[in-house]
């Protein structure tokens, strides 16, 4: 490693704009993978908590209209799957 500090950029795609460049934008830059993942989770959580409903309804709405955050970084160990996280959260929110 050359001592250069890694940067973690969170980008968002809107599921309602699939394959449309206008539905993709930068959310922000973060100093650590943990901060970037936390930002991604917050984006997903805010959408799901606002929408409400059964796990099936939440999942359907999320995959059609929700936000798909992802991380761009040169840190190969940093990753986040919004779809896996959202699926799990749909089930957790329904059981509340």
PDB file of N, CA and C in Angstrom:
ATOM      1  N   UNK A   1       0.838  -1.185   0.000  1.00  0.00           N
ATOM      2  CA  UNK A   1       0.000   0.000   0.000  1.00  0.00           C
ATOM      3  C   UNK A   1       0.881   1.245   0.000  1.00  0.00           C
ATOM      4  N   UNK A   2       0.499   2.238  -0.719  1.00  0.00           N
ATOM      5  CA  UNK A   2       1.325   3.420  -0.873  1.00  0.00           C
ATOM      6  C   UNK A   2       1.059   4.495   0.175  1.00  0.00           C
ATOM      7  N   UNK A   3       0.275   4.188   1.210  1.00  0.00           N
ATOM      8  CA  UNK A   3      -0.008   5.159   2.248  1.00  0.00           C
ATOM      9  C   UNK A   3      -1.153   6.096   1.922  1.00  0.00           C
ATOM     10  N   UNK A   4      -1.695   6.008   0.747  1.00  0.00           N
ATOM     11  CA  UNK A   4      -2.811   6.858   0.357  1.00  0.00           C
ATOM     12  C   UNK A   4      -4.072   6.402   1.092  1.00  0.00           C
ATOM     13  N   UNK A   5      -4.788   7.349   1.681  1.00  0.00           N
ATOM     14  CA  UNK A   5      -6.002   7.036   2.420  1.00  0.00           C
ATOM     15  C   UNK A   5      -7.108   6.623   1.448  1.00  0.00           C
ATOM     16  N   UNK A   6      -7.799   5.553   1.799  1.00  0.00           N
ATOM     17  CA  UNK A   6      -8.888   5.077   0.952  1.00  0.00           C
ATOM     18  C   UNK A   6     -10.093   5.989   1.094  1.00  0.00           C
ATOM     19  N   UNK A   7     -10.844   6.103   0.038  1.00  0.00           N
ATOM     20  CA  UNK A   7     -12.068   6.879   0.035  1.00  0.00           C
ATOM     21  C   UNK A   7     -13.208   5.925  -0.293  1.00  0.00           C
ATOM     22  N   UNK A   8     -14.313   6.154   0.341  1.00  0.00           N
ATOM     23  CA  UNK A   8     -15.503   5.324   0.147  1.00  0.00           C
ATOM     24  C   UNK A   8     -16.632   6.243  -0.300  1.00  0.00           C
ATOM     25  N   UNK A   9     -17.052   6.076  -1.532  1.00  0.00           N
ATOM     26  CA  UNK A   9     -18.113   6.896  -2.093  1.00  0.00           C
ATOM     27  C   UNK A   9     -19.385   6.074  -2.177  1.00  0.00           C
ATOM     28  N   UNK A  10     -20.463   6.605  -1.623  1.00  0.00           N
ATOM     29  CA  UNK A  10     -21.761   5.945  -1.715  1.00  0.00           C
ATOM     30  C   UNK A  10     -22.538   6.592  -2.857  1.00  0.00           C
ATOM     31  N   UNK A  11     -22.947   5.742  -3.768  1.00  0.00           N
ATOM     32  CA  UNK A  11     -23.775   6.143  -4.899  1.00  0.00           C
ATOM     33  C   UNK A  11     -25.163   5.542  -4.698  1.00  0.00           C
ATOM     34  N   UNK A  12     -26.155   6.162  -5.314  1.00  0.00           N
ATOM     35  CA  UNK A  12     -27.527   5.657  -5.230  1.00  0.00           C
ATOM     36  C   UNK A  12     -28.096   5.528  -6.633  1.00  0.00           C
ATOM     37  N   UNK A  13     -28.702   4.376  -6.869  1.00  0.00           N
ATOM     38  CA  UNK A  13     -29.512   4.166  -8.073  1.00  0.00           C
ATOM     39  C   UNK A  13     -30.960   4.076  -7.605  1.00  0.00           C
ATOM     40  N   UNK A  14     -31.840   4.681  -8.333  1.00  0.00           N
ATOM     41  CA  UNK A  14     -33.263   4.557  -8.023  1.00  0.00           C
ATOM     42  C   UNK A  14     -33.804   3.383  -8.818  1.00  0.00           C
ATOM     43  N   UNK A  15     -34.386   2.412  -8.116  1.00  0.00           N
ATOM     44  CA  UNK A  15     -34.895   1.224  -8.797  1.00  0.00           C
ATOM     45  C   UNK A  15     -35.953   1.576  -9.840  1.00  0.00           C
ATOM     46  N   UNK A  16     -36.679   2.674  -9.629  1.00  0.00           N
ATOM     47  CA  UNK A  16     -37.698   3.080 -10.596  1.00  0.00           C
ATOM     48  C   UNK A  16     -37.090   3.626 -11.887  1.00  0.00           C
ATOM     49  N   UNK A  17     -35.800   3.866 -11.892  1.00  0.00           N
ATOM     50  CA  UNK A  17     -35.102   4.372 -13.083  1.00  0.00           C
ATOM     51  C   UNK A  17     -34.051   3.371 -13.554  1.00  0.00           C
ATOM     52  N   UNK A  18     -34.393   2.104 -13.550  1.00  0.00           N
ATOM     53  CA  UNK A  18     -33.471   1.047 -13.951  1.00  0.00           C
ATOM     54  C   UNK A  18     -32.886   1.338 -15.322  1.00  0.00           C
ATOM     55  N   UNK A  19     -31.551   1.270 -15.413  1.00  0.00           N
ATOM     56  CA  UNK A  19     -30.816   1.484 -16.663  1.00  0.00           C
ATOM     57  C   UNK A  19     -30.944   2.923 -17.188  1.00  0.00           C
ATOM     58  N   UNK A  20     -31.263   3.866 -16.311  1.00  0.00           N
ATOM     59  CA  UNK A  20     -31.414   5.270 -16.691  1.00  0.00           C
ATOM     60  C   UNK A  20     -30.386   6.071 -15.897  1.00  0.00           C
ATOM     61  N   UNK A  21     -29.458   6.713 -16.576  1.00  0.00           N
ATOM     62  CA  UNK A  21     -28.401   7.465 -15.899  1.00  0.00           C
ATOM     63  C   UNK A  21     -28.939   8.582 -15.010  1.00  0.00           C
ATOM     64  N   UNK A  22     -30.119   9.104 -15.304  1.00  0.00           N
ATOM     65  CA  UNK A  22     -30.676  10.183 -14.493  1.00  0.00           C
ATOM     66  C   UNK A  22     -31.128   9.687 -13.126  1.00  0.00           C
ATOM     67  N   UNK A  23     -31.292   8.391 -12.961  1.00  0.00           N
ATOM     68  CA  UNK A  23     -31.698   7.822 -11.690  1.00  0.00           C
ATOM     69  C   UNK A  23     -30.525   7.386 -10.835  1.00  0.00           C
ATOM     70  N   UNK A  24     -29.340   7.914 -11.124  1.00  0.00           N
ATOM     71  CA  UNK A  24     -28.139   7.553 -10.361  1.00  0.00           C
ATOM     72  C   UNK A  24     -27.421   8.832  -9.943  1.00  0.00           C
ATOM     73  N   UNK A  25     -27.050   8.905  -8.652  1.00  0.00           N
ATOM     74  CA  UNK A  25     -26.383  10.101  -8.160  1.00  0.00           C
ATOM     75  C   UNK A  25     -25.520   9.784  -6.941  1.00  0.00           C
ATOM     76  N   UNK A  26     -24.648  10.708  -6.621  1.00  0.00           N
ATOM     77  CA  UNK A  26     -23.729  10.549  -5.494  1.00  0.00           C
ATOM     78  C   UNK A  26     -24.430  10.950  -4.203  1.00  0.00           C
ATOM     79  N   UNK A  27     -24.306  10.086  -3.192  1.00  0.00           N
ATOM     80  CA  UNK A  27     -24.849  10.388  -1.858  1.00  0.00           C
ATOM     81  C   UNK A  27     -23.799  11.094  -1.005  1.00  0.00           C
ATOM     82  N   UNK A  28     -22.549  10.595  -1.047  1.00  0.00           N
ATOM     83  CA  UNK A  28     -21.505  11.234  -0.256  1.00  0.00           C
ATOM     84  C   UNK A  28     -20.233  10.417  -0.193  1.00  0.00           C
ATOM     85  N   UNK A  29     -19.185  11.024   0.369  1.00  0.00           N
ATOM     86  CA  UNK A  29     -17.889  10.378   0.566  1.00  0.00           C
ATOM     87  C   UNK A  29     -17.702  10.103   2.053  1.00  0.00           C
ATOM     88  N   UNK A  30     -17.060   8.980   2.352  1.00  0.00           N
ATOM     89  CA  UNK A  30     -16.871   8.558   3.738  1.00  0.00           C
ATOM     90  C   UNK A  30     -15.424   8.136   3.948  1.00  0.00           C
ATOM     91  N   UNK A  31     -14.978   8.208   5.193  1.00  0.00           N
ATOM     92  CA  UNK A  31     -13.591   7.905   5.531  1.00  0.00           C
ATOM     93  C   UNK A  31     -13.335   6.448   5.833  1.00  0.00           C
ATOM     94  N   UNK A  32     -14.392   5.655   6.015  1.00  0.00           N
ATOM     95  CA  UNK A  32     -14.200   4.242   6.322  1.00  0.00           C
ATOM     96  C   UNK A  32     -15.305   3.414   5.677  1.00  0.00           C
ATOM     97  N   UNK A  33     -15.014   2.143   5.516  1.00  0.00           N
ATOM     98  CA  UNK A  33     -16.003   1.219   4.979  1.00  0.00           C
ATOM     99  C   UNK A  33     -17.214   1.162   5.907  1.00  0.00           C
ATOM    100  N   UNK A  34     -16.967   1.142   7.199  1.00  0.00           N
ATOM    101  CA  UNK A  34     -18.049   1.060   8.174  1.00  0.00           C
ATOM    102  C   UNK A  34     -19.008   2.239   8.046  1.00  0.00           C
ATOM    103  N   UNK A  35     -18.462   3.438   7.856  1.00  0.00           N
ATOM    104  CA  UNK A  35     -19.303   4.625   7.689  1.00  0.00           C
ATOM    105  C   UNK A  35     -20.119   4.538   6.398  1.00  0.00           C
ATOM    106  N   UNK A  36     -19.494   4.066   5.341  1.00  0.00           N
ATOM    107  CA  UNK A  36     -20.185   3.941   4.058  1.00  0.00           C
ATOM    108  C   UNK A  36     -21.303   2.898   4.137  1.00  0.00           C
ATOM    109  N   UNK A  37     -21.029   1.763   4.766  1.00  0.00           N
ATOM    110  CA  UNK A  37     -22.048   0.718   4.917  1.00  0.00           C
ATOM    111  C   UNK A  37     -23.192   1.244   5.773  1.00  0.00           C
ATOM    112  N   UNK A  38     -22.881   1.963   6.848  1.00  0.00           N
ATOM    113  CA  UNK A  38     -23.926   2.529   7.709  1.00  0.00           C
ATOM    114  C   UNK A  38     -24.809   3.497   6.923  1.00  0.00           C
ATOM    115  N   UNK A  39     -24.204   4.290   6.049  1.00  0.00           N
ATOM    116  CA  UNK A  39     -24.979   5.219   5.224  1.00  0.00           C
ATOM    117  C   UNK A  39     -25.903   4.449   4.276  1.00  0.00           C
ATOM    118  N   UNK A  40     -25.400   3.378   3.686  1.00  0.00           N
ATOM    119  CA  UNK A  40     -26.214   2.557   2.788  1.00  0.00           C
ATOM    120  C   UNK A  40     -27.396   1.949   3.531  1.00  0.00           C
ATOM    121  N   UNK A  41     -27.135   1.419   4.712  1.00  0.00           N
ATOM    122  CA  UNK A  41     -28.206   0.813   5.516  1.00  0.00           C
ATOM    123  C   UNK A  41     -29.257   1.850   5.881  1.00  0.00           C
ATOM    124  N   UNK A  42     -28.825   3.037   6.224  1.00  0.00           N
ATOM    125  CA  UNK A  42     -29.760   4.109   6.593  1.00  0.00           C
ATOM    126  C   UNK A  42     -30.665   4.465   5.412  1.00  0.00           C
ATOM    127  N   UNK A  43     -30.106   4.517   4.229  1.00  0.00           N
ATOM    128  CA  UNK A  43     -30.891   4.833   3.029  1.00  0.00           C
ATOM    129  C   UNK A  43     -31.984   3.785   2.824  1.00  0.00           C
ATOM    130  N   UNK A  44     -31.617   2.521   2.934  1.00  0.00           N
ATOM    131  CA  UNK A  44     -32.576   1.430   2.771  1.00  0.00           C
ATOM    132  C   UNK A  44     -33.614   1.473   3.889  1.00  0.00           C
ATOM    133  N   UNK A  45     -33.151   1.607   5.128  1.00  0.00           N
ATOM    134  CA  UNK A  45     -34.054   1.619   6.275  1.00  0.00           C
ATOM    135  C   UNK A  45     -35.079   2.736   6.181  1.00  0.00           C
ATOM    136  N   UNK A  46     -34.637   3.933   5.819  1.00  0.00           N
ATOM    137  CA  UNK A  46     -35.559   5.065   5.730  1.00  0.00           C
ATOM    138  C   UNK A  46     -36.653   4.804   4.708  1.00  0.00           C
ATOM    139  N   UNK A  47     -36.301   4.211   3.577  1.00  0.00           N
ATOM    140  CA  UNK A  47     -37.322   3.900   2.576  1.00  0.00           C
ATOM    141  C   UNK A  47     -38.313   2.875   3.124  1.00  0.00           C
ATOM    142  N   UNK A  48     -37.801   1.781   3.675  1.00  0.00           N
ATOM    143  CA  UNK A  48     -38.668   0.702   4.149  1.00  0.00           C
ATOM    144  C   UNK A  48     -39.552   1.141   5.307  1.00  0.00           C
ATOM    145  N   UNK A  49     -39.013   1.915   6.225  1.00  0.00           N
ATOM    146  CA  UNK A  49     -39.791   2.360   7.374  1.00  0.00           C
ATOM    147  C   UNK A  49     -40.871   3.349   6.974  1.00  0.00           C
ATOM    148  N   UNK A  50     -40.615   4.133   5.954  1.00  0.00           N
ATOM    149  CA  UNK A  50     -41.624   5.083   5.469  1.00  0.00           C
ATOM    150  C   UNK A  50     -42.748   4.353   4.740  1.00  0.00           C
ATOM    151  N   UNK A  51     -42.388   3.313   4.016  1.00  0.00           N
ATOM    152  CA  UNK A  51     -43.383   2.615   3.199  1.00  0.00           C
ATOM    153  C   UNK A  51     -44.304   1.760   4.052  1.00  0.00           C
ATOM    154  N   UNK A  52     -43.779   0.904   4.900  1.00  0.00           N
ATOM    155  CA  UNK A  52     -44.582   0.032   5.758  1.00  0.00           C
ATOM    156  C   UNK A  52     -45.250  -1.093   4.989  1.00  0.00           C
ATOM    157  N   UNK A  53     -45.935  -1.985   5.710  1.00  0.00           N
ATOM    158  CA  UNK A  53     -46.663  -3.087   5.091  1.00  0.00           C
ATOM    159  C   UNK A  53     -46.069  -4.438   5.428  1.00  0.00           C
ATOM    160  N   UNK A  54     -46.566  -5.458   4.784  1.00  0.00           N
ATOM    161  CA  UNK A  54     -46.059  -6.811   5.000  1.00  0.00           C
ATOM    162  C   UNK A  54     -44.681  -6.944   4.360  1.00  0.00           C
ATOM    163  N   UNK A  55     -43.971  -7.995   4.735  1.00  0.00           N
ATOM    164  CA  UNK A  55     -42.644  -8.229   4.151  1.00  0.00           C
ATOM    165  C   UNK A  55     -42.752  -8.343   2.632  1.00  0.00           C
ATOM    166  N   UNK A  56     -43.767  -9.035   2.161  1.00  0.00           N
ATOM    167  CA  UNK A  56     -43.957  -9.209   0.720  1.00  0.00           C
ATOM    168  C   UNK A  56     -44.225  -7.864   0.040  1.00  0.00           C
ATOM    169  N   UNK A  57     -45.086  -7.051   0.644  1.00  0.00           N
ATOM    170  CA  UNK A  57     -45.395  -5.728   0.078  1.00  0.00           C
ATOM    171  C   UNK A  57     -44.179  -4.811   0.106  1.00  0.00           C
ATOM    172  N   UNK A  58     -43.455  -4.839   1.223  1.00  0.00           N
ATOM    173  CA  UNK A  58     -42.248  -4.017   1.342  1.00  0.00           C
ATOM    174  C   UNK A  58     -41.225  -4.389   0.280  1.00  0.00           C
ATOM    175  N   UNK A  59     -41.004  -5.691   0.129  1.00  0.00           N
ATOM    176  CA  UNK A  59     -40.005  -6.162  -0.828  1.00  0.00           C
ATOM    177  C   UNK A  59     -40.391  -5.759  -2.245  1.00  0.00           C
ATOM    178  N   UNK A  60     -41.649  -5.933  -2.590  1.00  0.00           N
ATOM    179  CA  UNK A  60     -42.114  -5.576  -3.933  1.00  0.00           C
ATOM    180  C   UNK A  60     -41.928  -4.075  -4.180  1.00  0.00           C
ATOM    181  N   UNK A  61     -42.331  -3.272  -3.206  1.00  0.00           N
ATOM    182  CA  UNK A  61     -42.188  -1.814  -3.356  1.00  0.00           C
ATOM    183  C   UNK A  61     -40.723  -1.418  -3.442  1.00  0.00           C
ATOM    184  N   UNK A  62     -39.896  -2.036  -2.601  1.00  0.00           N
ATOM    185  CA  UNK A  62     -38.469  -1.696  -2.609  1.00  0.00           C
ATOM    186  C   UNK A  62     -37.829  -2.017  -3.958  1.00  0.00           C
ATOM    187  N   UNK A  63     -38.080  -3.213  -4.473  1.00  0.00           N
ATOM    188  CA  UNK A  63     -37.437  -3.603  -5.727  1.00  0.00           C
ATOM    189  C   UNK A  63     -37.941  -2.789  -6.914  1.00  0.00           C
ATOM    190  N   UNK A  64     -39.130  -2.234  -6.796  1.00  0.00           N
ATOM    191  CA  UNK A  64     -39.661  -1.417  -7.895  1.00  0.00           C
ATOM    192  C   UNK A  64     -39.311   0.066  -7.757  1.00  0.00           C
ATOM    193  N   UNK A  65     -39.353   0.586  -6.523  1.00  0.00           N
ATOM    194  CA  UNK A  65     -39.252   2.035  -6.343  1.00  0.00           C
ATOM    195  C   UNK A  65     -38.189   2.495  -5.347  1.00  0.00           C
ATOM    196  N   UNK A  66     -37.583   1.578  -4.610  1.00  0.00           N
ATOM    197  CA  UNK A  66     -36.639   1.953  -3.557  1.00  0.00           C
ATOM    198  C   UNK A  66     -35.308   2.447  -4.100  1.00  0.00           C
ATOM    199  N   UNK A  67     -34.429   2.751  -3.163  1.00  0.00           N
ATOM    200  CA  UNK A  67     -33.097   3.245  -3.501  1.00  0.00           C
ATOM    201  C   UNK A  67     -32.079   2.127  -3.354  1.00  0.00           C
ATOM    202  N   UNK A  68     -31.181   2.048  -4.302  1.00  0.00           N
ATOM    203  CA  UNK A  68     -30.185   0.978  -4.387  1.00  0.00           C
ATOM    204  C   UNK A  68     -28.806   1.590  -4.142  1.00  0.00           C
ATOM    205  N   UNK A  69     -28.418   1.768  -2.857  1.00  0.00           N
ATOM    206  CA  UNK A  69     -27.105   2.344  -2.596  1.00  0.00           C
ATOM    207  C   UNK A  69     -25.984   1.327  -2.800  1.00  0.00           C
ATOM    208  N   UNK A  70     -24.854   1.816  -3.264  1.00  0.00           N
ATOM    209  CA  UNK A  70     -23.684   0.952  -3.416  1.00  0.00           C
ATOM    210  C   UNK A  70     -22.429   1.773  -3.156  1.00  0.00           C
ATOM    211  N   UNK A  71     -21.342   1.066  -2.907  1.00  0.00           N
ATOM    212  CA  UNK A  71     -20.097   1.710  -2.506  1.00  0.00           C
ATOM    213  C   UNK A  71     -19.052   1.570  -3.613  1.00  0.00           C
ATOM    214  N   UNK A  72     -18.414   2.681  -3.930  1.00  0.00           N
ATOM    215  CA  UNK A  72     -17.274   2.680  -4.848  1.00  0.00           C
ATOM    216  C   UNK A  72     -16.029   2.943  -4.011  1.00  0.00           C
ATOM    217  N   UNK A  73     -15.059   2.049  -4.114  1.00  0.00           N
ATOM    218  CA  UNK A  73     -13.831   2.204  -3.340  1.00  0.00           C
ATOM    219  C   UNK A  73     -12.734   1.334  -3.941  1.00  0.00           C
ATOM    220  N   UNK A  74     -11.494   1.694  -3.646  1.00  0.00           N
ATOM    221  CA  UNK A  74     -10.388   0.827  -4.045  1.00  0.00           C
ATOM    222  C   UNK A  74     -10.113  -0.224  -2.964  1.00  0.00           C
ATOM    223  N   UNK A  75     -10.912  -0.234  -1.907  1.00  0.00           N
ATOM    224  CA  UNK A  75     -10.823  -1.223  -0.837  1.00  0.00           C
ATOM    225  C   UNK A  75     -11.641  -2.451  -1.255  1.00  0.00           C
ATOM    226  N   UNK A  76     -10.970  -3.467  -1.722  1.00  0.00           N
ATOM    227  CA  UNK A  76     -11.645  -4.657  -2.245  1.00  0.00           C
ATOM    228  C   UNK A  76     -12.422  -5.425  -1.183  1.00  0.00           C
ATOM    229  N   UNK A  77     -12.113  -5.186   0.076  1.00  0.00           N
ATOM    230  CA  UNK A  77     -12.806  -5.884   1.166  1.00  0.00           C
ATOM    231  C   UNK A  77     -14.113  -5.203   1.561  1.00  0.00           C
ATOM    232  N   UNK A  78     -14.345  -4.019   1.061  1.00  0.00           N
ATOM    233  CA  UNK A  78     -15.542  -3.265   1.424  1.00  0.00           C
ATOM    234  C   UNK A  78     -16.651  -3.530   0.410  1.00  0.00           C
ATOM    235  N   UNK A  79     -17.744  -4.079   0.898  1.00  0.00           N
ATOM    236  CA  UNK A  79     -18.870  -4.326  -0.003  1.00  0.00           C
ATOM    237  C   UNK A  79     -20.175  -4.224   0.773  1.00  0.00           C
ATOM    238  N   UNK A  80     -21.245  -4.019   0.046  1.00  0.00           N
ATOM    239  CA  UNK A  80     -22.579  -3.937   0.633  1.00  0.00           C
ATOM    240  C   UNK A  80     -23.576  -4.392  -0.420  1.00  0.00           C
ATOM    241  N   UNK A  81     -24.437  -5.318  -0.056  1.00  0.00           N
ATOM    242  CA  UNK A  81     -25.503  -5.766  -0.951  1.00  0.00           C
ATOM    243  C   UNK A  81     -26.816  -5.205  -0.437  1.00  0.00           C
ATOM    244  N   UNK A  82     -27.302  -4.163  -1.086  1.00  0.00           N
ATOM    245  CA  UNK A  82     -28.539  -3.542  -0.626  1.00  0.00           C
ATOM    246  C   UNK A  82     -29.720  -4.502  -0.749  1.00  0.00           C
ATOM    247  N   UNK A  83     -29.722  -5.341  -1.774  1.00  0.00           N
ATOM    248  CA  UNK A  83     -30.846  -6.259  -1.961  1.00  0.00           C
ATOM    249  C   UNK A  83     -30.886  -7.302  -0.851  1.00  0.00           C
ATOM    250  N   UNK A  84     -29.733  -7.844  -0.471  1.00  0.00           N
ATOM    251  CA  UNK A  84     -29.700  -8.799   0.647  1.00  0.00           C
ATOM    252  C   UNK A  84     -30.121  -8.115   1.946  1.00  0.00           C
ATOM    253  N   UNK A  85     -29.602  -6.922   2.174  1.00  0.00           N
ATOM    254  CA  UNK A  85     -29.944  -6.188   3.386  1.00  0.00           C
ATOM    255  C   UNK A  85     -31.435  -5.838   3.407  1.00  0.00           C
ATOM    256  N   UNK A  86     -31.956  -5.354   2.292  1.00  0.00           N
ATOM    257  CA  UNK A  86     -33.367  -4.961   2.234  1.00  0.00           C
ATOM    258  C   UNK A  86     -34.290  -6.158   2.455  1.00  0.00           C
ATOM    259  N   UNK A  87     -33.951  -7.293   1.883  1.00  0.00           N
ATOM    260  CA  UNK A  87     -34.773  -8.496   2.051  1.00  0.00           C
ATOM    261  C   UNK A  87     -34.848  -8.868   3.530  1.00  0.00           C
ATOM    262  N   UNK A  88     -33.708  -8.866   4.198  1.00  0.00           N
ATOM    263  CA  UNK A  88     -33.654  -9.187   5.625  1.00  0.00           C
ATOM    264  C   UNK A  88     -34.458  -8.168   6.437  1.00  0.00           C
ATOM    265  N   UNK A  89     -34.309  -6.891   6.125  1.00  0.00           N
ATOM    266  CA  UNK A  89     -35.022  -5.834   6.850  1.00  0.00           C
ATOM    267  C   UNK A  89     -36.533  -5.902   6.625  1.00  0.00           C
ATOM    268  N   UNK A  90     -36.968  -6.296   5.443  1.00  0.00           N
ATOM    269  CA  UNK A  90     -38.403  -6.447   5.187  1.00  0.00           C
ATOM    270  C   UNK A  90     -38.996  -7.460   6.164  1.00  0.00           C
ATOM    271  N   UNK A  91     -38.315  -8.555   6.334  1.00  0.00           N
ATOM    272  CA  UNK A  91     -38.784  -9.603   7.242  1.00  0.00           C
ATOM    273  C   UNK A  91     -38.747  -9.134   8.687  1.00  0.00           C
ATOM    274  N   UNK A  92     -37.690  -8.407   9.071  1.00  0.00           N
ATOM    275  CA  UNK A  92     -37.591  -7.902  10.443  1.00  0.00           C
ATOM    276  C   UNK A  92     -38.670  -6.875  10.739  1.00  0.00           C
ATOM    277  N   UNK A  93     -38.931  -5.985   9.803  1.00  0.00           N
ATOM    278  CA  UNK A  93     -39.934  -4.936  10.017  1.00  0.00           C
ATOM    279  C   UNK A  93     -41.340  -5.517  10.099  1.00  0.00           C
ATOM    280  N   UNK A  94     -41.614  -6.556   9.344  1.00  0.00           N
ATOM    281  CA  UNK A  94     -42.935  -7.173   9.416  1.00  0.00           C
ATOM    282  C   UNK A  94     -43.182  -7.803  10.777  1.00  0.00           C
ATOM    283  N   UNK A  95     -42.136  -8.344  11.385  1.00  0.00           N
ATOM    284  CA  UNK A  95     -42.302  -9.043  12.665  1.00  0.00           C
ATOM    285  C   UNK A  95     -42.418  -8.076  13.847  1.00  0.00           C
ATOM    286  N   UNK A  96     -42.283  -6.769  13.603  1.00  0.00           N
ATOM    287  CA  UNK A  96     -42.411  -5.777  14.702  1.00  0.00           C
ATOM    288  C   UNK A  96     -43.861  -5.577  15.074  1.00  0.00           C
TER     289      UNK A  96
END
